[in-house]
């Protein structure tokens, strides 16, 4: 098992490097940092623009290979360069990464566990009322884009707040600006702001995982090993949990890797709708401002997140499937 995980981790490091390199080269060839300075009023002189772009390692007069070499050398030492405004990219990453990770981790845990539980139970209760209701809800959510879910929840929260006369839900920003309520009050305020964006991501994941887990569970419910387990004296509940669900989870943990990329895309829209200043919102703003280094840094962050999810999936896969541990 150890060598299996080491090989997978080495592959992921290479993939992160390639993904980040591709993102930088694409951003450097398509974005135009010079336009940011030329649109200033009054416009600066061409000489001062060139000097500033040289300082930021963004001047298109410098060969792309030379710019990339300078940038990747800095990245190798942990320096992602400067933003178009001259701020260290590392500082921005440190401030914004935690915002996005809070949403991703909470949304993933809630959405995946809920989806797997509902999907497995729907398979056990196939074609009954619970199964039909869960299936209808899942297909409805799958047909609705994440941004629509986010806006719908925001409108519903505003209506509930207005009807009750109490600010139950907060849906603007990560916290209430200027709030002085001590540690617990501040924590509660942040949790209030976190409910709706987390629920947006969790709902999307629930729909995907409930359908997939239901299908995987149905494939194993009638298997010989489940019937054999019950014939040996295990109760139906024990056979379902110990054998059927464990086996049905193996393809689901692999599927988790593919859905994680979709989750990151949903996070971008969710952050913009709810005013969270995370990595997703930052990449949208960076593309608008032609910020090459910021785009590359966000791409690297997202690649690391996807590969971390893949590595976690490999660990779960090795834990669930004994053949991996002994092979």
C-alpha atoms as a PDB file:
ATOM      1  CA  UNK A   1       0.000   0.000   0.000  1.00  0.00           C
ATOM      2  CA  UNK A   2       2.840   2.378   0.843  1.00  0.00           C
ATOM      3  CA  UNK A   3       4.545   2.062  -2.537  1.00  0.00           C
ATOM      4  CA  UNK A   4       1.192   2.418  -4.301  1.00  0.00           C
ATOM      5  CA  UNK A   5       0.571   5.763  -2.570  1.00  0.00           C
ATOM      6  CA  UNK A   6       4.150   6.951  -3.161  1.00  0.00           C
ATOM      7  CA  UNK A   7       3.858   6.268  -6.896  1.00  0.00           C
ATOM      8  CA  UNK A   8       0.528   8.046  -7.062  1.00  0.00           C
ATOM      9  CA  UNK A   9       1.883  11.046  -5.140  1.00  0.00           C
ATOM     10  CA  UNK A  10       4.860  11.335  -7.513  1.00  0.00           C
ATOM     11  CA  UNK A  11       2.496  11.306 -10.481  1.00  0.00           C
ATOM     12  CA  UNK A  12       0.384  14.043  -8.913  1.00  0.00           C
ATOM     13  CA  UNK A  13       3.399  16.298  -8.339  1.00  0.00           C
ATOM     14  CA  UNK A  14       4.255  16.059 -12.039  1.00  0.00           C
ATOM     15  CA  UNK A  15       0.647  16.743 -13.040  1.00  0.00           C
ATOM     16  CA  UNK A  16       0.469  19.827 -10.807  1.00  0.00           C
ATOM     17  CA  UNK A  17       3.649  21.167 -12.407  1.00  0.00           C
ATOM     18  CA  UNK A  18       2.324  20.575 -15.932  1.00  0.00           C
ATOM     19  CA  UNK A  19      -1.074  22.091 -15.152  1.00  0.00           C
ATOM     20  CA  UNK A  20       0.494  25.188 -13.587  1.00  0.00           C
ATOM     21  CA  UNK A  21       2.924  25.594 -16.485  1.00  0.00           C
ATOM     22  CA  UNK A  22       0.137  25.331 -19.033  1.00  0.00           C
ATOM     23  CA  UNK A  23      -1.951  27.872 -17.100  1.00  0.00           C
ATOM     24  CA  UNK A  24       0.939  30.344 -16.984  1.00  0.00           C
ATOM     25  CA  UNK A  25       1.743  29.989 -20.684  1.00  0.00           C
ATOM     26  CA  UNK A  26      -1.920  30.354 -21.639  1.00  0.00           C
ATOM     27  CA  UNK A  27      -2.363  33.419 -19.442  1.00  0.00           C
ATOM     28  CA  UNK A  28       0.903  34.996 -20.617  1.00  0.00           C
ATOM     29  CA  UNK A  29      -0.048  34.616 -24.289  1.00  0.00           C
ATOM     30  CA  UNK A  30      -3.710  35.669 -24.063  1.00  0.00           C
ATOM     31  CA  UNK A  31      -3.852  38.348 -21.346  1.00  0.00           C
ATOM     32  CA  UNK A  32      -2.574  41.889 -21.980  1.00  0.00           C
ATOM     33  CA  UNK A  33      -1.150  43.512 -18.814  1.00  0.00           C
ATOM     34  CA  UNK A  34       0.004  46.508 -20.871  1.00  0.00           C
ATOM     35  CA  UNK A  35      -3.630  47.495 -21.472  1.00  0.00           C
ATOM     36  CA  UNK A  36      -4.103  48.131 -17.745  1.00  0.00           C
ATOM     37  CA  UNK A  37      -1.543  50.948 -17.787  1.00  0.00           C
ATOM     38  CA  UNK A  38      -2.479  52.367 -21.188  1.00  0.00           C
ATOM     39  CA  UNK A  39      -6.074  52.893 -20.039  1.00  0.00           C
ATOM     40  CA  UNK A  40      -5.051  55.068 -17.083  1.00  0.00           C
ATOM     41  CA  UNK A  41      -6.045  58.740 -17.074  1.00  0.00           C
ATOM     42  CA  UNK A  42      -3.816  60.501 -17.782  1.00  0.00           C
ATOM     43  CA  UNK A  43      -1.985  57.693 -19.631  1.00  0.00           C
ATOM     44  CA  UNK A  44       1.641  57.175 -18.505  1.00  0.00           C
ATOM     45  CA  UNK A  45       4.498  57.411 -20.960  1.00  0.00           C
ATOM     46  CA  UNK A  46       5.420  54.254 -22.932  1.00  0.00           C
ATOM     47  CA  UNK A  47       8.827  54.238 -21.240  1.00  0.00           C
ATOM     48  CA  UNK A  48       7.321  54.189 -17.737  1.00  0.00           C
ATOM     49  CA  UNK A  49       4.880  51.455 -18.770  1.00  0.00           C
ATOM     50  CA  UNK A  50       7.738  49.330 -20.093  1.00  0.00           C
ATOM     51  CA  UNK A  51       9.771  49.917 -16.949  1.00  0.00           C
ATOM     52  CA  UNK A  52       6.863  48.859 -14.742  1.00  0.00           C
ATOM     53  CA  UNK A  53       6.139  45.751 -16.816  1.00  0.00           C
ATOM     54  CA  UNK A  54       9.820  44.776 -16.768  1.00  0.00           C
ATOM     55  CA  UNK A  55       9.767  45.139 -12.996  1.00  0.00           C
ATOM     56  CA  UNK A  56       6.751  42.829 -12.749  1.00  0.00           C
ATOM     57  CA  UNK A  57       8.160  40.364 -15.316  1.00  0.00           C
ATOM     58  CA  UNK A  58       5.101  40.959 -17.505  1.00  0.00           C
ATOM     59  CA  UNK A  59       6.533  42.863 -20.447  1.00  0.00           C
ATOM     60  CA  UNK A  60       5.475  41.308 -23.744  1.00  0.00           C
ATOM     61  CA  UNK A  61       8.695  42.616 -25.288  1.00  0.00           C
ATOM     62  CA  UNK A  62      10.576  40.027 -23.237  1.00  0.00           C
ATOM     63  CA  UNK A  63      10.543  36.571 -24.878  1.00  0.00           C
ATOM     64  CA  UNK A  64       7.954  34.264 -23.355  1.00  0.00           C
ATOM     65  CA  UNK A  65      10.567  31.598 -22.586  1.00  0.00           C
ATOM     66  CA  UNK A  66      12.611  34.123 -20.598  1.00  0.00           C
ATOM     67  CA  UNK A  67       9.562  35.343 -18.668  1.00  0.00           C
ATOM     68  CA  UNK A  68       8.555  31.768 -17.904  1.00  0.00           C
ATOM     69  CA  UNK A  69      12.057  30.831 -16.741  1.00  0.00           C
ATOM     70  CA  UNK A  70      12.152  33.799 -14.369  1.00  0.00           C
ATOM     71  CA  UNK A  71       8.684  32.994 -13.051  1.00  0.00           C
ATOM     72  CA  UNK A  72       9.176  29.239 -12.602  1.00  0.00           C
ATOM     73  CA  UNK A  73      12.521  29.839 -10.866  1.00  0.00           C
ATOM     74  CA  UNK A  74      10.725  32.008  -8.338  1.00  0.00           C
ATOM     75  CA  UNK A  75       7.952  29.429  -7.918  1.00  0.00           C
ATOM     76  CA  UNK A  76      10.567  26.768  -7.199  1.00  0.00           C
ATOM     77  CA  UNK A  77      11.634  28.872  -4.204  1.00  0.00           C
ATOM     78  CA  UNK A  78       8.034  29.556  -3.136  1.00  0.00           C
ATOM     79  CA  UNK A  79       7.632  32.973  -4.798  1.00  0.00           C
ATOM     80  CA  UNK A  80       4.730  33.335  -7.262  1.00  0.00           C
ATOM     81  CA  UNK A  81       5.746  36.861  -8.238  1.00  0.00           C
ATOM     82  CA  UNK A  82       3.725  40.062  -8.003  1.00  0.00           C
ATOM     83  CA  UNK A  83       0.195  40.952  -8.989  1.00  0.00           C
ATOM     84  CA  UNK A  84      -0.512  43.616 -11.582  1.00  0.00           C
ATOM     85  CA  UNK A  85      -0.927  46.074  -8.677  1.00  0.00           C
ATOM     86  CA  UNK A  86       2.554  45.198  -7.381  1.00  0.00           C
ATOM     87  CA  UNK A  87       1.403  43.191  -4.356  1.00  0.00           C
ATOM     88  CA  UNK A  88       3.067  39.851  -3.523  1.00  0.00           C
ATOM     89  CA  UNK A  89       0.993  36.992  -4.925  1.00  0.00           C
ATOM     90  CA  UNK A  90       1.974  34.850  -1.936  1.00  0.00           C
ATOM     91  CA  UNK A  91       0.290  37.292   0.452  1.00  0.00           C
ATOM     92  CA  UNK A  92      -2.928  37.186  -1.549  1.00  0.00           C
ATOM     93  CA  UNK A  93      -2.849  33.380  -1.692  1.00  0.00           C
ATOM     94  CA  UNK A  94      -2.384  33.138   2.073  1.00  0.00           C
ATOM     95  CA  UNK A  95      -5.383  35.417   2.620  1.00  0.00           C
ATOM     96  CA  UNK A  96      -7.756  33.943   0.051  1.00  0.00           C
ATOM     97  CA  UNK A  97      -6.916  30.227   0.120  1.00  0.00           C
ATOM     98  CA  UNK A  98      -8.358  29.768   3.604  1.00  0.00           C
ATOM     99  CA  UNK A  99     -11.633  31.343   2.489  1.00  0.00           C
ATOM    100  CA  UNK A 100     -12.052  28.874  -0.356  1.00  0.00           C
ATOM    101  CA  UNK A 101     -10.880  25.877   1.654  1.00  0.00           C
ATOM    102  CA  UNK A 102     -13.518  26.530   4.321  1.00  0.00           C
ATOM    103  CA  UNK A 103     -16.239  26.335   1.687  1.00  0.00           C
ATOM    104  CA  UNK A 104     -14.751  23.355  -0.134  1.00  0.00           C
ATOM    105  CA  UNK A 105     -14.129  21.216   2.942  1.00  0.00           C
ATOM    106  CA  UNK A 106     -17.494  21.905   4.577  1.00  0.00           C
ATOM    107  CA  UNK A 107     -19.442  21.541   1.325  1.00  0.00           C
ATOM    108  CA  UNK A 108     -17.618  18.335   0.395  1.00  0.00           C
ATOM    109  CA  UNK A 109     -18.127  16.646   3.759  1.00  0.00           C
ATOM    110  CA  UNK A 110     -21.825  17.527   3.962  1.00  0.00           C
ATOM    111  CA  UNK A 111     -22.642  16.937   0.294  1.00  0.00           C
ATOM    112  CA  UNK A 112     -20.739  13.667  -0.147  1.00  0.00           C
ATOM    113  CA  UNK A 113     -21.818  12.002   3.097  1.00  0.00           C
ATOM    114  CA  UNK A 114     -25.446  13.023   2.590  1.00  0.00           C
ATOM    115  CA  UNK A 115     -25.418  11.908  -1.046  1.00  0.00           C
ATOM    116  CA  UNK A 116     -23.837   8.535  -0.277  1.00  0.00           C
ATOM    117  CA  UNK A 117     -26.229   7.861   2.613  1.00  0.00           C
ATOM    118  CA  UNK A 118     -29.332   8.826   0.638  1.00  0.00           C
ATOM    119  CA  UNK A 119     -28.157   6.958  -2.458  1.00  0.00           C
ATOM    120  CA  UNK A 120     -27.445   3.770  -0.530  1.00  0.00           C
ATOM    121  CA  UNK A 121     -30.762   3.907   1.304  1.00  0.00           C
ATOM    122  CA  UNK A 122     -32.607   4.612  -1.954  1.00  0.00           C
ATOM    123  CA  UNK A 123     -31.119   1.444  -3.419  1.00  0.00           C
ATOM    124  CA  UNK A 124     -32.263  -0.578  -0.433  1.00  0.00           C
ATOM    125  CA  UNK A 125     -35.759   0.976  -0.761  1.00  0.00           C
ATOM    126  CA  UNK A 126     -35.802   0.701  -4.562  1.00  0.00           C
ATOM    127  CA  UNK A 127     -38.973   2.044  -6.262  1.00  0.00           C
ATOM    128  CA  UNK A 128     -40.566   2.938  -2.952  1.00  0.00           C
ATOM    129  CA  UNK A 129     -41.657   6.412  -1.909  1.00  0.00           C
ATOM    130  CA  UNK A 130     -38.292   7.480  -0.471  1.00  0.00           C
ATOM    131  CA  UNK A 131     -36.433   6.299  -3.580  1.00  0.00           C
ATOM    132  CA  UNK A 132     -38.793   8.102  -5.949  1.00  0.00           C
ATOM    133  CA  UNK A 133     -38.637  11.321  -3.935  1.00  0.00           C
ATOM    134  CA  UNK A 134     -34.814  11.258  -3.717  1.00  0.00           C
ATOM    135  CA  UNK A 135     -34.541  10.474  -7.434  1.00  0.00           C
ATOM    136  CA  UNK A 136     -36.821  13.359  -8.407  1.00  0.00           C
ATOM    137  CA  UNK A 137     -34.937  15.782  -6.152  1.00  0.00           C
ATOM    138  CA  UNK A 138     -31.548  14.656  -7.469  1.00  0.00           C
ATOM    139  CA  UNK A 139     -32.522  14.974 -11.134  1.00  0.00           C
ATOM    140  CA  UNK A 140     -34.034  18.401 -10.489  1.00  0.00           C
ATOM    141  CA  UNK A 141     -30.839  19.659  -8.834  1.00  0.00           C
ATOM    142  CA  UNK A 142     -28.654  18.153 -11.579  1.00  0.00           C
ATOM    143  CA  UNK A 143     -30.619  20.140 -14.149  1.00  0.00           C
ATOM    144  CA  UNK A 144     -30.049  23.444 -12.336  1.00  0.00           C
ATOM    145  CA  UNK A 145     -26.690  25.294 -12.611  1.00  0.00           C
ATOM    146  CA  UNK A 146     -24.850  26.062  -9.376  1.00  0.00           C
ATOM    147  CA  UNK A 147     -25.197  29.809  -9.861  1.00  0.00           C
ATOM    148  CA  UNK A 148     -28.995  29.447 -10.054  1.00  0.00           C
ATOM    149  CA  UNK A 149     -29.007  27.391  -6.833  1.00  0.00           C
ATOM    150  CA  UNK A 150     -26.925  30.094  -5.121  1.00  0.00           C
ATOM    151  CA  UNK A 151     -29.213  32.937  -6.220  1.00  0.00           C
ATOM    152  CA  UNK A 152     -32.356  30.945  -5.348  1.00  0.00           C
ATOM    153  CA  UNK A 153     -31.111  30.247  -1.828  1.00  0.00           C
ATOM    154  CA  UNK A 154     -30.186  33.899  -1.449  1.00  0.00           C
ATOM    155  CA  UNK A 155     -33.683  35.028  -2.462  1.00  0.00           C
ATOM    156  CA  UNK A 156     -35.297  32.419  -0.201  1.00  0.00           C
ATOM    157  CA  UNK A 157     -33.132  33.519   2.738  1.00  0.00           C
ATOM    158  CA  UNK A 158     -34.094  37.157   2.210  1.00  0.00           C
ATOM    159  CA  UNK A 159     -37.779  36.181   2.180  1.00  0.00           C
ATOM    160  CA  UNK A 160     -37.421  34.159   5.400  1.00  0.00           C
ATOM    161  CA  UNK A 161     -35.590  37.014   7.117  1.00  0.00           C
ATOM    162  CA  UNK A 162     -38.287  39.453   6.051  1.00  0.00           C
ATOM    163  CA  UNK A 163     -41.146  37.152   7.093  1.00  0.00           C
ATOM    164  CA  UNK A 164     -39.699  36.429  10.546  1.00  0.00           C
ATOM    165  CA  UNK A 165     -38.332  39.894  11.177  1.00  0.00           C
ATOM    166  CA  UNK A 166     -35.072  38.315  12.338  1.00  0.00           C
ATOM    167  CA  UNK A 167     -31.770  38.188  10.466  1.00  0.00           C
ATOM    168  CA  UNK A 168     -31.572  34.394  10.508  1.00  0.00           C
ATOM    169  CA  UNK A 169     -29.486  34.067   7.348  1.00  0.00           C
ATOM    170  CA  UNK A 170     -26.553  36.246   6.309  1.00  0.00           C
ATOM    171  CA  UNK A 171     -25.687  36.220   2.621  1.00  0.00           C
ATOM    172  CA  UNK A 172     -23.314  39.103   1.952  1.00  0.00           C
ATOM    173  CA  UNK A 173     -19.593  38.546   2.514  1.00  0.00           C
ATOM    174  CA  UNK A 174     -17.699  36.284   4.886  1.00  0.00           C
ATOM    175  CA  UNK A 175     -18.655  38.213   8.028  1.00  0.00           C
ATOM    176  CA  UNK A 176     -20.376  41.394   9.178  1.00  0.00           C
ATOM    177  CA  UNK A 177     -17.959  44.275   8.804  1.00  0.00           C
ATOM    178  CA  UNK A 178     -17.177  46.167  11.992  1.00  0.00           C
ATOM    179  CA  UNK A 179     -18.763  43.576  14.266  1.00  0.00           C
ATOM    180  CA  UNK A 180     -17.398  43.571  17.828  1.00  0.00           C
ATOM    181  CA  UNK A 181     -18.994  40.579  19.567  1.00  0.00           C
ATOM    182  CA  UNK A 182     -16.060  38.740  21.077  1.00  0.00           C
ATOM    183  CA  UNK A 183     -14.755  35.345  20.014  1.00  0.00           C
ATOM    184  CA  UNK A 184     -18.012  33.389  20.182  1.00  0.00           C
ATOM    185  CA  UNK A 185     -20.084  36.171  18.663  1.00  0.00           C
ATOM    186  CA  UNK A 186     -17.652  36.537  15.777  1.00  0.00           C
ATOM    187  CA  UNK A 187     -17.568  32.768  15.269  1.00  0.00           C
ATOM    188  CA  UNK A 188     -21.356  32.609  15.227  1.00  0.00           C
ATOM    189  CA  UNK A 189     -21.496  35.474  12.742  1.00  0.00           C
ATOM    190  CA  UNK A 190     -19.061  33.734  10.404  1.00  0.00           C
ATOM    191  CA  UNK A 191     -21.066  30.516  10.630  1.00  0.00           C
ATOM    192  CA  UNK A 192     -24.214  32.471   9.761  1.00  0.00           C
ATOM    193  CA  UNK A 193     -22.542  33.797   6.627  1.00  0.00           C
ATOM    194  CA  UNK A 194     -21.226  30.330   5.804  1.00  0.00           C
ATOM    195  CA  UNK A 195     -24.551  28.460   5.846  1.00  0.00           C
ATOM    196  CA  UNK A 196     -25.900  29.458   2.435  1.00  0.00           C
ATOM    197  CA  UNK A 197     -22.723  29.153   0.304  1.00  0.00           C
ATOM    198  CA  UNK A 198     -21.901  25.822   1.965  1.00  0.00           C
ATOM    199  CA  UNK A 199     -25.437  24.600   1.352  1.00  0.00           C
ATOM    200  CA  UNK A 200     -25.136  25.629  -2.308  1.00  0.00           C
ATOM    201  CA  UNK A 201     -22.105  23.406  -2.829  1.00  0.00           C
ATOM    202  CA  UNK A 202     -23.511  20.570  -0.707  1.00  0.00           C
ATOM    203  CA  UNK A 203     -26.766  20.436  -2.669  1.00  0.00           C
ATOM    204  CA  UNK A 204     -24.911  20.077  -5.968  1.00  0.00           C
ATOM    205  CA  UNK A 205     -22.730  17.279  -4.576  1.00  0.00           C
ATOM    206  CA  UNK A 206     -25.680  15.517  -2.973  1.00  0.00           C
ATOM    207  CA  UNK A 207     -27.427  15.205  -6.321  1.00  0.00           C
ATOM    208  CA  UNK A 208     -24.424  13.700  -8.100  1.00  0.00           C
ATOM    209  CA  UNK A 209     -23.383  11.314  -5.337  1.00  0.00           C
ATOM    210  CA  UNK A 210     -26.873  10.099  -4.469  1.00  0.00           C
ATOM    211  CA  UNK A 211     -27.506   8.971  -8.050  1.00  0.00           C
ATOM    212  CA  UNK A 212     -24.083   7.376  -8.458  1.00  0.00           C
ATOM    213  CA  UNK A 213     -24.131   5.614  -5.090  1.00  0.00           C
ATOM    214  CA  UNK A 214     -27.637   4.292  -5.708  1.00  0.00           C
ATOM    215  CA  UNK A 215     -26.539   2.683  -8.969  1.00  0.00           C
ATOM    216  CA  UNK A 216     -23.402   1.191  -7.394  1.00  0.00           C
ATOM    217  CA  UNK A 217     -25.389  -0.154  -4.448  1.00  0.00           C
ATOM    218  CA  UNK A 218     -27.955  -1.777  -6.731  1.00  0.00           C
ATOM    219  CA  UNK A 219     -25.135  -3.585  -8.556  1.00  0.00           C
ATOM    220  CA  UNK A 220     -23.989  -5.363  -5.387  1.00  0.00           C
ATOM    221  CA  UNK A 221     -27.239  -5.946  -3.480  1.00  0.00           C
ATOM    222  CA  UNK A 222     -27.975  -9.133  -5.383  1.00  0.00           C
ATOM    223  CA  UNK A 223     -24.394 -10.393  -5.425  1.00  0.00           C
ATOM    224  CA  UNK A 224     -23.471 -13.836  -4.199  1.00  0.00           C
ATOM    225  CA  UNK A 225     -21.166 -12.562  -1.453  1.00  0.00           C
ATOM    226  CA  UNK A 226     -24.036 -10.615   0.156  1.00  0.00           C
ATOM    227  CA  UNK A 227     -26.320 -13.656   0.137  1.00  0.00           C
ATOM    228  CA  UNK A 228     -23.469 -15.824   1.446  1.00  0.00           C
ATOM    229  CA  UNK A 229     -22.845 -13.397   4.320  1.00  0.00           C
ATOM    230  CA  UNK A 230     -26.490 -13.590   5.356  1.00  0.00           C
ATOM    231  CA  UNK A 231     -26.482 -17.385   4.949  1.00  0.00           C
ATOM    232  CA  UNK A 232     -23.576 -17.529   7.421  1.00  0.00           C
ATOM    233  CA  UNK A 233     -25.689 -15.813  10.055  1.00  0.00           C
ATOM    234  CA  UNK A 234     -25.179 -12.073   9.502  1.00  0.00           C
ATOM    235  CA  UNK A 235     -28.280  -9.946   9.752  1.00  0.00           C
ATOM    236  CA  UNK A 236     -29.389  -8.148   6.605  1.00  0.00           C
ATOM    237  CA  UNK A 237     -28.363  -4.795   8.100  1.00  0.00           C
ATOM    238  CA  UNK A 238     -24.875  -6.086   8.972  1.00  0.00           C
ATOM    239  CA  UNK A 239     -24.440  -7.664   5.531  1.00  0.00           C
ATOM    240  CA  UNK A 240     -25.472  -4.421   3.834  1.00  0.00           C
ATOM    241  CA  UNK A 241     -23.114  -2.234   5.869  1.00  0.00           C
ATOM    242  CA  UNK A 242     -20.115  -4.568   6.159  1.00  0.00           C
ATOM    243  CA  UNK A 243     -20.123  -6.060   2.665  1.00  0.00           C
ATOM    244  CA  UNK A 244     -22.518  -4.395   0.209  1.00  0.00           C
ATOM    245  CA  UNK A 245     -21.898  -0.745   1.104  1.00  0.00           C
ATOM    246  CA  UNK A 246     -18.137  -1.214   1.463  1.00  0.00           C
ATOM    247  CA  UNK A 247     -17.909  -2.770  -1.997  1.00  0.00           C
ATOM    248  CA  UNK A 248     -20.235  -0.173  -3.548  1.00  0.00           C
ATOM    249  CA  UNK A 249     -18.087   2.643  -2.143  1.00  0.00           C
ATOM    250  CA  UNK A 250     -15.006   1.581  -4.134  1.00  0.00           C
ATOM    251  CA  UNK A 251     -16.103   3.121  -7.473  1.00  0.00           C
ATOM    252  CA  UNK A 252     -17.651   6.065  -5.613  1.00  0.00           C
ATOM    253  CA  UNK A 253     -14.336   7.196  -4.114  1.00  0.00           C
ATOM    254  CA  UNK A 254     -12.880   7.202  -7.635  1.00  0.00           C
ATOM    255  CA  UNK A 255     -15.854   9.218  -8.873  1.00  0.00           C
ATOM    256  CA  UNK A 256     -15.127  11.734  -6.094  1.00  0.00           C
ATOM    257  CA  UNK A 257     -11.985  12.878  -7.929  1.00  0.00           C
ATOM    258  CA  UNK A 258     -13.913  13.803 -11.060  1.00  0.00           C
ATOM    259  CA  UNK A 259     -16.628  15.680  -9.195  1.00  0.00           C
ATOM    260  CA  UNK A 260     -14.086  17.698  -7.212  1.00  0.00           C
ATOM    261  CA  UNK A 261     -13.125  19.686 -10.316  1.00  0.00           C
ATOM    262  CA  UNK A 262     -16.802  20.512 -10.865  1.00  0.00           C
ATOM    263  CA  UNK A 263     -17.014  21.532  -7.209  1.00  0.00           C
ATOM    264  CA  UNK A 264     -14.194  24.047  -7.704  1.00  0.00           C
ATOM    265  CA  UNK A 265     -16.026  25.569 -10.665  1.00  0.00           C
ATOM    266  CA  UNK A 266     -19.162  25.807  -8.535  1.00  0.00           C
ATOM    267  CA  UNK A 267     -17.124  27.447  -5.788  1.00  0.00           C
ATOM    268  CA  UNK A 268     -16.108  30.218  -8.186  1.00  0.00           C
ATOM    269  CA  UNK A 269     -19.724  31.150  -8.915  1.00  0.00           C
ATOM    270  CA  UNK A 270     -20.743  30.735  -5.291  1.00  0.00           C
ATOM    271  CA  UNK A 271     -18.010  33.092  -4.062  1.00  0.00           C
ATOM    272  CA  UNK A 272     -19.037  35.754  -6.560  1.00  0.00           C
ATOM    273  CA  UNK A 273     -22.746  35.490  -5.681  1.00  0.00           C
ATOM    274  CA  UNK A 274     -22.198  35.633  -1.912  1.00  0.00           C
ATOM    275  CA  UNK A 275     -19.340  38.132  -1.944  1.00  0.00           C
ATOM    276  CA  UNK A 276     -16.663  35.805  -0.566  1.00  0.00           C
ATOM    277  CA  UNK A 277     -13.147  36.973  -1.440  1.00  0.00           C
ATOM    278  CA  UNK A 278     -11.689  33.548  -2.119  1.00  0.00           C
ATOM    279  CA  UNK A 279      -9.587  32.000  -4.854  1.00  0.00           C
ATOM    280  CA  UNK A 280     -12.531  31.474  -7.198  1.00  0.00           C
ATOM    281  CA  UNK A 281     -13.605  35.101  -7.137  1.00  0.00           C
ATOM    282  CA  UNK A 282      -9.948  36.144  -7.404  1.00  0.00           C
ATOM    283  CA  UNK A 283      -9.341  34.244 -10.642  1.00  0.00           C
ATOM    284  CA  UNK A 284     -12.353  35.913 -12.264  1.00  0.00           C
ATOM    285  CA  UNK A 285     -11.132  39.355 -11.204  1.00  0.00           C
ATOM    286  CA  UNK A 286      -7.563  38.487 -12.277  1.00  0.00           C
ATOM    287  CA  UNK A 287      -8.645  37.561 -15.789  1.00  0.00           C
ATOM    288  CA  UNK A 288     -10.556  40.847 -16.010  1.00  0.00           C
ATOM    289  CA  UNK A 289      -7.454  42.809 -14.918  1.00  0.00           C
ATOM    290  CA  UNK A 290      -5.011  40.786 -17.099  1.00  0.00           C
ATOM    291  CA  UNK A 291      -3.118  39.591 -14.027  1.00  0.00           C
ATOM    292  CA  UNK A 292      -0.973  36.743 -15.384  1.00  0.00           C
ATOM    293  CA  UNK A 293       0.748  35.761 -12.138  1.00  0.00           C
ATOM    294  CA  UNK A 294      -2.504  35.696 -10.160  1.00  0.00           C
ATOM    295  CA  UNK A 295      -4.198  33.491 -12.755  1.00  0.00           C
ATOM    296  CA  UNK A 296      -1.257  31.080 -12.714  1.00  0.00           C
ATOM    297  CA  UNK A 297      -1.221  31.005  -8.906  1.00  0.00           C
ATOM    298  CA  UNK A 298      -4.958  30.256  -8.674  1.00  0.00           C
ATOM    299  CA  UNK A 299      -4.570  27.542 -11.306  1.00  0.00           C
ATOM    300  CA  UNK A 300      -1.774  26.002  -9.257  1.00  0.00           C
ATOM    301  CA  UNK A 301      -3.933  26.142  -6.121  1.00  0.00           C
ATOM    302  CA  UNK A 302      -6.844  24.462  -7.888  1.00  0.00           C
ATOM    303  CA  UNK A 303      -4.545  21.809  -9.375  1.00  0.00           C
ATOM    304  CA  UNK A 304      -3.153  21.074  -5.913  1.00  0.00           C
ATOM    305  CA  UNK A 305      -6.703  20.810  -4.519  1.00  0.00           C
ATOM    306  CA  UNK A 306      -7.768  18.389  -7.251  1.00  0.00           C
ATOM    307  CA  UNK A 307      -4.647  16.274  -6.797  1.00  0.00           C
ATOM    308  CA  UNK A 308      -5.061  16.307  -3.015  1.00  0.00           C
ATOM    309  CA  UNK A 309      -8.612  15.058  -3.508  1.00  0.00           C
ATOM    310  CA  UNK A 310      -7.282  12.384  -5.852  1.00  0.00           C
ATOM    311  CA  UNK A 311      -4.670  11.321  -3.318  1.00  0.00           C
ATOM    312  CA  UNK A 312      -7.301  11.158  -0.583  1.00  0.00           C
ATOM    313  CA  UNK A 313      -9.410   9.071  -2.957  1.00  0.00           C
ATOM    314  CA  UNK A 314      -6.456   6.707  -3.449  1.00  0.00           C
ATOM    315  CA  UNK A 315      -6.097   6.306   0.321  1.00  0.00           C
ATOM    316  CA  UNK A 316      -9.786   5.455   0.673  1.00  0.00           C
ATOM    317  CA  UNK A 317      -9.552   3.104  -2.312  1.00  0.00           C
ATOM    318  CA  UNK A 318      -6.622   1.253  -0.747  1.00  0.00           C
ATOM    319  CA  UNK A 319      -8.472   1.043   2.573  1.00  0.00           C
ATOM    320  CA  UNK A 320     -11.659  -0.298   0.980  1.00  0.00           C
ATOM    321  CA  UNK A 321     -10.035  -2.741  -1.443  1.00  0.00           C
ATOM    322  CA  UNK A 322      -7.649  -5.276   0.174  1.00  0.00           C
ATOM    323  CA  UNK A 323      -6.212  -6.187  -3.250  1.00  0.00           C
ATOM    324  CA  UNK A 324      -4.491  -2.805  -3.417  1.00  0.00           C
ATOM    325  CA  UNK A 325      -2.879  -3.262   0.009  1.00  0.00           C
ATOM    326  CA  UNK A 326      -1.460  -6.678  -0.806  1.00  0.00           C
ATOM    327  CA  UNK A 327      -0.619  -5.904  -4.437  1.00  0.00           C
END
